[in-house]
Protein backbone atom coordinates (compact mmCIF):
# COMPACT_ATOMS: atom_id res chain seq x y z
CA UNK A 1 140.06 99.18 123.87
CA UNK A 2 141.06 95.99 124.71
CA UNK A 3 144.20 94.01 123.77
CA UNK A 4 145.63 90.44 123.51
CA UNK A 5 148.18 90.31 126.07
CA UNK A 6 150.48 86.92 125.36
CA UNK A 7 152.49 84.44 128.55
CA UNK A 8 156.08 84.34 127.77
CA UNK A 9 155.97 81.51 130.44
CA UNK A 10 152.81 79.60 129.82
CA UNK A 11 152.95 80.58 125.75
CA UNK A 12 148.76 81.55 126.79
CA UNK A 13 147.11 84.40 125.20
CA UNK A 14 144.45 86.52 127.46
CA UNK A 15 142.35 88.83 125.69
CA UNK A 16 141.59 91.57 128.42
CA UNK A 17 138.86 93.48 128.06
CA UNK A 18 137.75 96.17 130.29
CA UNK A 19 134.66 96.86 128.59
CA UNK A 20 133.47 93.75 129.60
CA UNK A 21 132.95 94.28 132.99
CA UNK A 22 129.60 96.25 131.96
CA UNK A 23 128.15 92.91 130.32
CA UNK A 24 124.74 91.40 132.78
CA UNK A 25 124.40 88.82 134.96
CA UNK A 26 128.86 88.37 134.79
CA UNK A 27 128.74 86.98 138.35
CA UNK A 28 125.55 85.60 139.23
CA UNK A 29 125.51 82.51 140.71
CA UNK A 30 123.92 79.44 138.37
CA UNK A 31 120.61 79.89 141.36
CA UNK A 32 120.06 82.92 140.27
CA UNK A 33 119.41 82.09 136.56
CA UNK A 34 116.29 83.79 135.53
CA UNK A 35 114.90 83.34 132.25
CA UNK A 36 113.51 86.91 130.97
CA UNK A 37 110.24 87.38 129.92
CA UNK A 38 109.21 86.77 126.57
CA UNK A 39 109.23 90.97 125.44
CA UNK A 40 112.63 91.26 126.69
CA UNK A 41 114.69 88.35 125.55
CA UNK A 42 116.92 90.62 123.28
CA UNK A 43 117.05 87.38 120.99
CA UNK A 44 113.40 86.54 119.96
CA UNK A 45 111.50 87.25 117.26
CA UNK A 46 110.29 90.99 117.11
CA UNK A 47 112.32 92.33 119.73
CA UNK A 48 114.97 93.33 117.26
CA UNK A 49 115.61 96.59 118.18
CA UNK A 50 117.28 95.08 121.54
CA UNK A 51 119.81 93.43 119.76
CA UNK A 52 122.78 96.12 117.33
CA UNK A 53 121.89 95.74 114.05
CA UNK A 54 122.37 92.72 111.99
CA UNK A 55 124.68 91.70 109.79
CA UNK A 56 123.66 88.18 108.53
CA UNK A 57 120.02 86.29 108.72
CA UNK A 58 118.28 83.24 107.12
CA UNK A 59 114.87 83.65 106.84
CA UNK A 60 112.00 81.68 107.80
CA UNK A 61 111.62 78.42 106.81
CA UNK A 62 108.09 78.68 106.85
CA UNK A 63 107.44 81.39 104.39
CA UNK A 64 106.34 83.74 106.82
CA UNK A 65 108.44 86.74 106.54
CA UNK A 66 110.33 86.87 109.13
CA UNK A 67 113.95 85.32 109.99
CA UNK A 68 115.51 81.93 110.99
CA UNK A 69 118.85 82.46 111.62
CA UNK A 70 120.49 86.31 112.76
CA UNK A 71 123.60 87.58 113.11
CA UNK A 72 124.96 90.72 114.85
CA UNK A 73 127.32 92.33 116.96
CA UNK A 74 127.90 91.44 119.99
CA UNK A 75 126.96 94.22 122.20
CA UNK A 76 129.15 93.60 124.79
CA UNK A 77 132.00 92.31 122.59
CA UNK A 78 135.67 91.52 123.97
CA UNK A 79 137.04 93.14 119.99
CA UNK A 80 136.50 95.66 118.10
CA UNK A 81 136.63 95.76 114.44
CA UNK A 82 137.65 99.59 114.07
CA UNK A 83 141.58 100.19 114.18
CA UNK A 84 144.45 98.53 113.10
CA UNK A 85 146.75 95.46 114.50
CA UNK A 86 149.66 97.20 116.01
CA UNK A 87 151.26 94.86 117.68
CA UNK A 88 154.82 95.59 120.03
CA UNK A 89 156.73 93.62 123.24
CA UNK A 90 156.41 95.35 126.86
CA UNK A 91 159.65 94.21 128.67
CA UNK A 92 159.58 90.56 127.95
CA UNK A 93 155.81 90.77 126.83
CA UNK A 94 153.83 91.07 124.26
CA UNK A 95 150.79 92.77 123.27
CA UNK A 96 148.49 92.70 120.06
CA UNK A 97 145.46 96.04 119.88
CA UNK A 98 142.20 94.65 120.41
CA UNK A 99 141.69 94.55 116.47
CA UNK A 100 138.90 91.84 115.89
CA UNK A 101 135.03 90.46 115.82
CA UNK A 102 132.70 89.64 118.22
CA UNK A 103 129.21 88.68 116.89
CA UNK A 104 126.03 86.30 117.70
CA UNK A 105 124.38 83.90 116.36
CA UNK A 106 120.74 83.32 116.81
CA UNK A 107 119.88 79.55 115.85
CA UNK A 108 115.76 79.97 116.48
CA UNK A 109 113.05 82.26 117.02
CA UNK A 110 111.50 80.92 118.95
CA UNK A 111 112.37 81.29 122.91
CA UNK A 112 111.90 78.32 124.45
CA UNK A 113 114.09 75.99 122.11
CA UNK A 114 117.26 74.57 121.82
CA UNK A 115 119.54 73.00 119.38
CA UNK A 116 118.56 70.24 120.45
CA UNK A 117 115.35 70.80 119.61
CA UNK A 118 115.30 72.06 116.46
CA UNK A 119 114.98 69.44 113.26
CA UNK A 120 117.23 69.02 110.83
CA UNK A 121 116.31 71.41 108.39
CA UNK A 122 116.32 73.84 111.08
CA UNK A 123 119.82 73.06 112.13
CA UNK A 124 121.56 73.60 108.68
CA UNK A 125 120.35 77.20 108.27
CA UNK A 126 122.04 77.75 111.52
CA UNK A 127 125.74 75.31 109.93
CA UNK A 128 125.14 77.53 107.11
CA UNK A 129 125.34 81.15 108.98
CA UNK A 130 128.88 79.54 110.79
CA UNK A 131 129.98 78.93 107.47
CA UNK A 132 128.79 82.10 105.98
CA UNK A 133 130.09 84.15 108.62
CA UNK A 134 133.40 82.81 108.44
CA UNK A 135 133.78 83.22 104.44
CA UNK A 136 133.09 86.71 104.85
CA UNK A 137 135.39 87.63 108.26
CA UNK A 138 138.24 85.83 106.32
CA UNK A 139 138.49 88.40 103.86
CA UNK A 140 139.57 90.86 105.94
CA UNK A 141 143.20 90.76 105.88
CA UNK A 142 143.73 92.10 109.76
CA UNK A 143 142.36 88.54 111.09
CA UNK A 144 143.92 85.63 111.53
CA UNK A 145 141.36 83.35 112.93
CA UNK A 146 137.60 83.12 113.37
CA UNK A 147 136.41 80.83 115.76
CA UNK A 148 133.15 80.08 116.41
CA UNK A 149 131.55 78.49 119.69
CA UNK A 150 128.44 77.91 121.51
CA UNK A 151 127.48 77.92 125.51
CA UNK A 152 124.78 76.75 126.36
CA UNK A 153 123.76 76.75 129.98
CA UNK A 154 125.28 79.29 132.97
CA UNK A 155 127.69 76.95 134.14
CA UNK A 156 129.76 76.58 130.19
CA UNK A 157 129.17 81.16 129.96
CA UNK A 158 125.99 81.94 128.58
CA UNK A 159 124.40 85.06 129.81
CA UNK A 160 121.18 85.27 127.90
CA UNK A 161 119.24 81.57 127.76
CA UNK A 162 117.64 82.07 124.25
CA UNK A 163 119.45 79.39 121.56
CA UNK A 164 122.83 81.06 120.10
CA UNK A 165 126.39 80.67 119.68
CA UNK A 166 128.60 83.24 119.52
CA UNK A 167 132.09 84.28 116.91
CA UNK A 168 135.36 85.93 117.83
CA UNK A 169 137.74 86.85 115.25
CA UNK A 170 141.15 87.54 116.45
CA UNK A 171 144.47 88.71 114.24
CA UNK A 172 146.15 85.97 115.98
CA UNK A 173 145.97 82.27 116.04
CA UNK A 174 144.53 80.96 119.21
CA UNK A 175 146.76 78.52 120.95
CA UNK A 176 145.40 75.59 121.12
CA UNK A 177 144.76 75.81 117.35
CA UNK A 178 148.38 76.37 116.79
CA UNK A 179 149.03 73.85 118.91
CA UNK A 180 147.19 71.47 116.89
CA UNK A 181 148.35 73.18 113.46
CA UNK A 182 151.77 72.01 114.96
CA UNK A 183 150.92 68.54 115.35
CA UNK A 184 149.56 67.71 112.29
CA UNK A 185 152.00 68.81 110.56
CA UNK A 186 154.94 66.79 111.96
CA UNK A 187 152.67 63.87 112.10
CA UNK A 188 151.96 65.08 108.01
CA UNK A 189 156.07 65.77 107.58
CA UNK A 190 157.50 61.96 108.95
CA UNK A 191 154.54 60.04 107.36
CA UNK A 192 152.59 62.31 104.78
CA UNK A 193 148.60 61.06 106.34
CA UNK A 194 146.19 63.62 107.71
CA UNK A 195 146.98 62.55 111.73
CA UNK A 196 143.17 63.29 112.27
CA UNK A 197 142.60 60.59 109.48
CA UNK A 198 144.77 58.31 111.14
CA UNK A 199 142.82 58.47 114.06
CA UNK A 200 139.46 57.98 112.42
CA UNK A 201 140.45 54.65 110.84
CA UNK A 202 142.48 53.73 114.35
CA UNK A 203 138.88 54.28 116.18
CA UNK A 204 136.84 53.17 113.09
CA UNK A 205 138.83 49.90 113.40
CA UNK A 206 139.12 49.44 117.02
CA UNK A 207 135.26 50.77 117.80
CA UNK A 208 135.66 50.81 120.99
CA UNK A 209 134.59 54.89 121.28
CA UNK A 210 132.50 55.77 119.01
CA UNK A 211 129.47 57.45 120.17
CA UNK A 212 127.27 57.54 116.69
CA UNK A 213 128.38 57.12 113.03
CA UNK A 214 126.82 58.07 109.42
CA UNK A 215 128.13 57.68 106.16
CA UNK A 216 129.08 60.83 106.50
CA UNK A 217 130.71 62.13 110.01
CA UNK A 218 131.54 60.16 112.52
CA UNK A 219 130.75 61.10 116.55
CA UNK A 220 133.88 59.49 119.23
CA UNK A 221 135.05 59.76 122.26
CA UNK A 222 138.50 61.24 121.69
CA UNK A 223 141.25 58.62 123.64
CA UNK A 224 143.07 61.14 126.23
CA UNK A 225 139.74 63.03 126.39
CA UNK A 226 139.97 66.04 129.29
CA UNK A 227 136.08 65.34 130.78
CA UNK A 228 134.05 63.09 130.91
CA UNK A 229 131.74 62.74 127.74
CA UNK A 230 133.96 65.29 125.57
CA UNK A 231 133.44 63.64 122.11
CA UNK A 232 134.64 65.15 118.50
CA UNK A 233 132.41 64.86 115.52
CA UNK A 234 134.69 64.85 112.43
CA UNK A 235 134.05 64.08 108.77
CA UNK A 236 135.34 61.05 107.68
CA UNK A 237 136.54 62.31 104.27
CA UNK A 238 139.73 64.70 104.69
CA UNK A 239 138.32 67.97 104.94
CA UNK A 240 140.69 70.99 106.11
CA UNK A 241 137.63 73.71 106.19
CA UNK A 242 134.47 74.25 107.38
CA UNK A 243 133.92 76.86 105.01
CA UNK A 244 134.61 74.12 101.88
CA UNK A 245 131.67 72.36 103.73
CA UNK A 246 128.87 71.99 101.00
CA UNK A 247 124.91 71.95 101.95
CA UNK A 248 125.40 68.54 101.53
CA UNK A 249 127.41 67.90 104.27
CA UNK A 250 126.46 70.50 106.12
CA UNK A 251 123.25 68.53 106.24
CA UNK A 252 124.80 65.69 107.46
CA UNK A 253 126.14 67.49 110.06
CA UNK A 254 122.96 68.76 111.29
CA UNK A 255 122.06 65.43 111.41
CA UNK A 256 124.69 63.80 113.41
CA UNK A 257 124.85 66.65 115.61
CA UNK A 258 120.82 66.80 116.80
CA UNK A 259 121.47 63.03 117.23
CA UNK A 260 124.59 63.71 119.42
CA UNK A 261 122.59 66.60 121.52
CA UNK A 262 119.65 64.61 122.56
CA UNK A 263 121.41 61.38 123.45
CA UNK A 264 123.54 64.07 125.42
CA UNK A 265 120.58 65.17 127.25
CA UNK A 266 118.94 62.17 127.62
CA UNK A 267 121.84 60.49 129.45
CA UNK A 268 123.51 63.61 131.17
CA UNK A 269 120.03 65.15 132.57
CA UNK A 270 120.00 68.48 130.25
CA UNK A 271 123.68 69.18 130.59
CA UNK A 272 125.51 72.85 130.78
CA UNK A 273 127.72 72.37 127.51
CA UNK A 274 130.36 73.97 125.63
CA UNK A 275 130.43 73.04 120.85
CA UNK A 276 133.93 74.69 119.54
CA UNK A 277 134.32 74.97 116.08
CA UNK A 278 138.38 74.04 115.12
CA UNK A 279 138.76 74.57 111.59
CA UNK A 280 141.53 76.13 109.49
CA UNK A 281 143.36 79.48 109.69
CA UNK A 282 142.70 82.75 107.56
CA UNK A 283 144.42 82.03 104.43
CA UNK A 284 146.43 85.41 104.46
CA UNK A 285 150.71 85.30 104.08
CA UNK A 286 152.17 85.18 107.80
CA UNK A 287 155.26 87.41 107.89
CA UNK A 288 158.52 85.28 108.61
CA UNK A 289 156.08 81.94 108.21
CA UNK A 290 155.72 82.21 104.20
CA UNK A 291 155.97 78.16 104.82
CA UNK A 292 152.54 78.72 107.08
CA UNK A 293 149.94 77.52 104.50
CA UNK A 294 151.88 74.60 102.25
CA UNK A 295 150.62 72.15 103.76
CA UNK A 296 147.24 73.00 106.03
CA UNK A 297 144.79 71.48 102.48
CA UNK A 298 146.65 68.27 103.52
CA UNK A 299 147.73 67.42 106.98
CA UNK A 300 144.69 69.62 109.28
CA UNK A 301 140.92 68.73 109.12
CA UNK A 302 138.18 70.54 111.04
CA UNK A 303 136.54 69.26 113.16
CA UNK A 304 133.49 70.28 116.26
CA UNK A 305 134.15 69.65 119.66
CA UNK A 306 131.82 69.05 122.24
CA UNK A 307 132.37 69.31 126.05
CA UNK A 308 129.49 68.65 128.84
CA UNK A 309 130.92 70.87 131.89
CA UNK A 310 128.92 68.40 134.25
CA UNK A 311 132.95 68.29 136.30
CA UNK A 312 134.97 71.36 137.48
CA UNK A 313 138.75 72.17 137.44
CA UNK A 314 140.47 72.42 140.61
CA UNK A 315 144.53 73.39 141.65
CA UNK A 316 146.05 70.36 140.73
CA UNK A 317 144.50 70.94 137.10
CA UNK A 318 144.93 74.69 137.03
CA UNK A 319 148.55 74.10 138.30
CA UNK A 320 150.20 71.33 136.49
CA UNK A 321 147.72 71.81 133.32
CA UNK A 322 146.37 68.19 133.46
CA UNK A 323 142.66 67.62 133.00
CA UNK A 324 141.28 64.66 136.01
CA UNK A 325 138.75 63.07 133.76
CA UNK A 326 136.57 60.03 135.80
CA UNK A 327 134.55 58.55 133.11
CA UNK A 328 136.45 56.68 130.92
CA UNK A 329 135.94 57.46 127.48
CA UNK A 330 134.84 54.35 126.10
CA UNK A 331 132.62 54.01 129.21
CA UNK A 332 131.17 57.19 127.93
CA UNK A 333 131.07 56.09 124.19
CA UNK A 334 129.15 53.08 125.04
CA UNK A 335 126.57 55.42 127.84
CA UNK A 336 125.75 57.54 124.65
CA UNK A 337 124.79 54.62 122.33
CA UNK A 338 122.45 53.66 124.23
CA UNK A 339 121.11 56.67 124.75
CA UNK A 340 117.67 56.81 124.32
CA UNK A 341 117.63 60.41 122.12
CA UNK A 342 113.94 60.87 122.43
CA UNK A 343 113.38 59.92 126.44
CA UNK A 344 111.38 62.56 127.88
CA UNK A 345 112.86 65.21 130.50
């Protein structure tokens, strides 16, 4: 069974998942990647028997009786829903039993289309599935965080080419999210303002790192972007929890996300990329931290982070914890603003 292991030196959790060694194609080189024939694509419409049972779905928009978005448990999960959460120390180390959830969110029944190819009407159900699964999994008091992410392309971690996202729900809050929560709380404690809202106001005023803007959302290159063309998409109005987003807000997000993905594809020649949703943790009481949820509603701000995988980490980055970004965020924003989203491949 999987377990989560904590390093007291690096303050980092690792999921040790021996069952994942059965996962196909895990260690293939990128030049060995081949799309499966339609009849072998486990995520394509008509091949539902090739996946675990359906957990959630949204009907096809054309009224054909099929599905538009489909969710099921990952066949090779890093965490499993069965069991109770056990926390114990192993000397100076900590372990937590590998209880959680790992699900696949298939974004379209069509094998040949990516998220950037979908219309706004087709992307909205994907975001609605994110919201629905987030709400449902938060009912489980064992789970403290639901991380929703998309790996596009083998170099970004995708083992199957068919357009899909994933979620992993964990009995701990990921270290990166904890750092964001702590930074946001510290800023709010001193200024009584949301850190993200302050950054949004600053970026709108400076207009140096804005990639795209709509009435509801802002796509911006963060000032200290760790990777070339790293971009965050944030609601312009304060909102701490993606689970509370309305359908109208999801439509606005779908529109700016589609525009950004198409510009990035045109500019960077269809790069592999990772997309991650950072939102508030599950609202369950935390032993020893009765105040944990006391200000999250005011100090945190949900957002999407998108990183095209066009560089690789080397020894210095691994050893120092720093990243080296050869493309200034101001240039990245300008290139993306000028990119033609409808340029032919």
